[in-house]
Amino acid sequence: MEHITAAAWFAEAAGAAEEPVSGNLLRIVLIVVVVGAVLTAWLLLRGYRQKDD
């Protein structure tokens, strides 16, 4: 098993960020995170709504 140092891992990640495909992947990940956060907030806050009985 090959040991990869943190510096080598960051250098590899920085090199991958220069590829055009990774920009699209980052956009997709950010959109999914934002949509997930909005849905989670909606589900959590929905339970605190006042019920008009």
Protein backbone atom coordinates (compact mmCIF):
# COMPACT_ATOMS: atom_id res chain seq x y z
CA MET A 1 0.00 0.00 0.00
CA GLU A 2 1.41 3.34 -1.04
CA HIS A 3 1.65 6.12 1.51
CA ILE A 4 0.63 9.55 0.17
CA THR A 5 1.56 12.60 2.20
CA ALA A 6 -0.92 15.41 2.72
CA ALA A 7 1.21 17.77 0.64
CA ALA A 8 1.21 15.35 -2.28
CA TRP A 9 -2.54 14.87 -1.96
CA PHE A 10 -3.17 18.63 -2.01
CA ALA A 11 -0.83 19.06 -4.98
CA GLU A 12 -2.69 16.35 -6.87
CA ALA A 13 -6.05 17.92 -6.00
CA ALA A 14 -4.82 21.34 -7.13
CA GLY A 15 -3.62 19.84 -10.40
CA ALA A 16 -6.99 18.18 -10.94
CA ALA A 17 -8.72 21.50 -10.35
CA GLU A 18 -7.04 22.87 -13.47
CA GLU A 19 -8.83 20.32 -15.66
CA PRO A 20 -12.06 21.63 -17.25
CA VAL A 21 -14.11 18.61 -16.19
CA SER A 22 -13.50 19.18 -12.48
CA GLY A 23 -15.05 22.66 -12.74
CA ASN A 24 -18.33 21.10 -13.84
CA LEU A 25 -18.09 18.56 -11.04
CA LEU A 26 -17.53 21.32 -8.48
CA ARG A 27 -20.56 23.21 -9.81
CA ILE A 28 -22.74 20.11 -9.53
CA VAL A 29 -21.52 19.37 -6.00
CA LEU A 30 -22.19 22.96 -4.88
CA ILE A 31 -25.69 22.92 -6.38
CA VAL A 32 -26.50 19.62 -4.67
CA VAL A 33 -25.20 20.94 -1.33
CA VAL A 34 -27.27 24.14 -1.58
CA VAL A 35 -30.44 22.28 -2.62
CA GLY A 36 -29.88 19.75 0.17
CA ALA A 37 -29.43 22.51 2.75
CA VAL A 38 -32.62 24.26 1.59
CA LEU A 39 -34.62 21.01 1.73
CA THR A 40 -33.22 20.15 5.16
CA ALA A 41 -34.08 23.61 6.51
CA TRP A 42 -37.58 23.36 5.03
CA LEU A 43 -38.16 19.93 6.58
CA LEU A 44 -36.88 21.03 9.98
CA LEU A 45 -38.68 24.37 10.08
CA ARG A 46 -41.93 22.84 8.80
CA GLY A 47 -42.39 21.12 12.15
CA TYR A 48 -42.30 24.44 14.04
CA ARG A 49 -45.19 25.95 12.12
CA GLN A 50 -48.15 27.10 14.25
CA LYS A 51 -51.22 24.96 13.71
CA ASP A 52 -54.53 26.86 13.44
CA ASP A 53 -57.02 24.48 15.07
